[in-house]
Amino acid sequence: MNVYELRIAGVESDVRLAAARWELFVCSEVRHVYRIGRTDKVAILYESAQPNLRRWVSLLEQAGYATEPLEEAGRPPEAA
């Protein structure tokens, strides 16, 4: 199981978090999505070697969510 953190605008509301979670559950590798504290940051638990970030962001943006990728938990950021 791996974790990826993503900022999703508006998910401070439980209803919006639940809706965003369902958007991501169409991806078979996504196991759970939960909010980090009372923020718009979420942790995506997934089962695959790499996060499918492009697909996740695309699904969320098509549903009207603004997103901002954060670093993958437990991995250092890659050098630019």
C-alpha atoms as a PDB file:
ATOM      1  CA  MET A   1       0.000   0.000   0.000  1.00  0.00           C
ATOM      2  CA  ASN A   2       1.310   3.440  -0.942  1.00  0.00           C
ATOM      3  CA  VAL A   3       0.231   6.971  -0.051  1.00  0.00           C
ATOM      4  CA  TYR A   4       0.069  10.094  -2.203  1.00  0.00           C
ATOM      5  CA  GLU A   5      -0.911  13.497  -0.844  1.00  0.00           C
ATOM      6  CA  LEU A   6      -2.969  15.814  -3.001  1.00  0.00           C
ATOM      7  CA  ARG A   7      -4.572  19.197  -2.343  1.00  0.00           C
ATOM      8  CA  ILE A   8      -8.205  19.286  -3.528  1.00  0.00           C
ATOM      9  CA  ALA A   9      -9.931  22.652  -3.184  1.00  0.00           C
ATOM     10  CA  GLY A  10     -13.175  22.495  -1.218  1.00  0.00           C
ATOM     11  CA  VAL A  11     -12.814  19.137   0.520  1.00  0.00           C
ATOM     12  CA  GLU A  12     -12.822  20.747   3.971  1.00  0.00           C
ATOM     13  CA  SER A  13     -16.549  19.958   3.741  1.00  0.00           C
ATOM     14  CA  ASP A  14     -17.418  16.314   4.444  1.00  0.00           C
ATOM     15  CA  VAL A  15     -19.925  16.270   1.583  1.00  0.00           C
ATOM     16  CA  ARG A  16     -17.359  17.545  -0.943  1.00  0.00           C
ATOM     17  CA  LEU A  17     -14.764  15.079   0.370  1.00  0.00           C
ATOM     18  CA  ALA A  18     -17.192  12.189  -0.093  1.00  0.00           C
ATOM     19  CA  ALA A  19     -17.968  13.303  -3.651  1.00  0.00           C
ATOM     20  CA  ALA A  20     -14.265  13.662  -4.536  1.00  0.00           C
ATOM     21  CA  ARG A  21     -13.575  10.248  -3.002  1.00  0.00           C
ATOM     22  CA  TRP A  22     -16.171   8.642  -5.283  1.00  0.00           C
ATOM     23  CA  GLU A  23     -14.586  10.297  -8.316  1.00  0.00           C
ATOM     24  CA  LEU A  24     -11.301   8.563  -7.438  1.00  0.00           C
ATOM     25  CA  PHE A  25     -12.849   5.188  -6.636  1.00  0.00           C
ATOM     26  CA  VAL A  26     -13.355   4.537 -10.364  1.00  0.00           C
ATOM     27  CA  CYS A  27      -9.600   3.829 -10.348  1.00  0.00           C
ATOM     28  CA  SER A  28      -9.129   0.232  -9.247  1.00  0.00           C
ATOM     29  CA  GLU A  29      -5.815   0.981  -7.524  1.00  0.00           C
ATOM     30  CA  VAL A  30      -7.369   3.558  -5.154  1.00  0.00           C
ATOM     31  CA  ARG A  31      -8.240   1.927  -1.841  1.00  0.00           C
ATOM     32  CA  HIS A  32      -9.089   4.885   0.361  1.00  0.00           C
ATOM     33  CA  VAL A  33      -9.074   8.679   0.378  1.00  0.00           C
ATOM     34  CA  TYR A  34      -9.071  10.641   3.613  1.00  0.00           C
ATOM     35  CA  ARG A  35      -8.633  14.266   4.606  1.00  0.00           C
ATOM     36  CA  ILE A  36      -5.536  15.307   6.517  1.00  0.00           C
ATOM     37  CA  GLY A  37      -6.779  17.322   9.482  1.00  0.00           C
ATOM     38  CA  ARG A  38      -9.246  20.093   8.703  1.00  0.00           C
ATOM     39  CA  THR A  39      -7.523  21.097   5.505  1.00  0.00           C
ATOM     40  CA  ASP A  40      -7.996  20.645   1.785  1.00  0.00           C
ATOM     41  CA  LYS A  41      -5.165  18.095   1.727  1.00  0.00           C
ATOM     42  CA  VAL A  42      -6.028  14.434   1.256  1.00  0.00           C
ATOM     43  CA  ALA A  43      -4.077  11.215   1.456  1.00  0.00           C
ATOM     44  CA  ILE A  44      -4.798   8.715  -1.298  1.00  0.00           C
ATOM     45  CA  LEU A  45      -4.031   5.116  -0.388  1.00  0.00           C
ATOM     46  CA  TYR A  46      -3.357   3.103  -3.522  1.00  0.00           C
ATOM     47  CA  GLU A  47      -2.046  -0.290  -4.599  1.00  0.00           C
ATOM     48  CA  SER A  48       0.344   0.058  -7.518  1.00  0.00           C
ATOM     49  CA  ALA A  49       4.021   0.757  -8.050  1.00  0.00           C
ATOM     50  CA  GLN A  50       3.430   4.408  -9.013  1.00  0.00           C
ATOM     51  CA  PRO A  51       0.574   6.845  -8.417  1.00  0.00           C
ATOM     52  CA  ASN A  52      -1.674   7.390 -11.425  1.00  0.00           C
ATOM     53  CA  LEU A  53      -1.590  11.120 -10.794  1.00  0.00           C
ATOM     54  CA  ARG A  54      -2.523  12.260 -14.302  1.00  0.00           C
ATOM     55  CA  ARG A  55      -5.682  10.168 -14.265  1.00  0.00           C
ATOM     56  CA  TRP A  56      -6.619  11.175 -10.713  1.00  0.00           C
ATOM     57  CA  VAL A  57      -6.158  14.881 -11.445  1.00  0.00           C
ATOM     58  CA  SER A  58      -8.031  14.561 -14.744  1.00  0.00           C
ATOM     59  CA  LEU A  59     -11.006  12.856 -13.075  1.00  0.00           C
ATOM     60  CA  LEU A  60     -11.144  15.437 -10.318  1.00  0.00           C
ATOM     61  CA  GLU A  61     -10.799  18.401 -12.665  1.00  0.00           C
ATOM     62  CA  GLN A  62     -13.532  17.026 -14.952  1.00  0.00           C
ATOM     63  CA  ALA A  63     -15.761  16.916 -11.865  1.00  0.00           C
ATOM     64  CA  GLY A  64     -14.977  20.573 -11.109  1.00  0.00           C
ATOM     65  CA  TYR A  65     -12.263  20.254  -8.452  1.00  0.00           C
ATOM     66  CA  ALA A  66      -9.082  22.316  -8.511  1.00  0.00           C
ATOM     67  CA  THR A  67      -6.104  20.167  -7.503  1.00  0.00           C
ATOM     68  CA  GLU A  68      -2.468  20.605  -6.567  1.00  0.00           C
ATOM     69  CA  PRO A  69      -0.172  17.585  -6.395  1.00  0.00           C
ATOM     70  CA  LEU A  70       1.988  17.329  -3.279  1.00  0.00           C
ATOM     71  CA  GLU A  71       4.903  15.018  -2.663  1.00  0.00           C
ATOM     72  CA  GLU A  72       4.427  11.314  -2.296  1.00  0.00           C
ATOM     73  CA  ALA A  73       4.506  10.396   1.376  1.00  0.00           C
ATOM     74  CA  GLY A  74       7.715   8.676   2.380  1.00  0.00           C
ATOM     75  CA  ARG A  75       9.600   9.640  -0.788  1.00  0.00           C
ATOM     76  CA  PRO A  76      11.892  12.643  -1.184  1.00  0.00           C
ATOM     77  CA  PRO A  77      10.977  15.157  -3.904  1.00  0.00           C
ATOM     78  CA  GLU A  78      12.768  14.559  -7.183  1.00  0.00           C
ATOM     79  CA  ALA A  79      15.390  17.065  -8.248  1.00  0.00           C
ATOM     80  CA  ALA A  80      14.174  19.411 -10.966  1.00  0.00           C
END
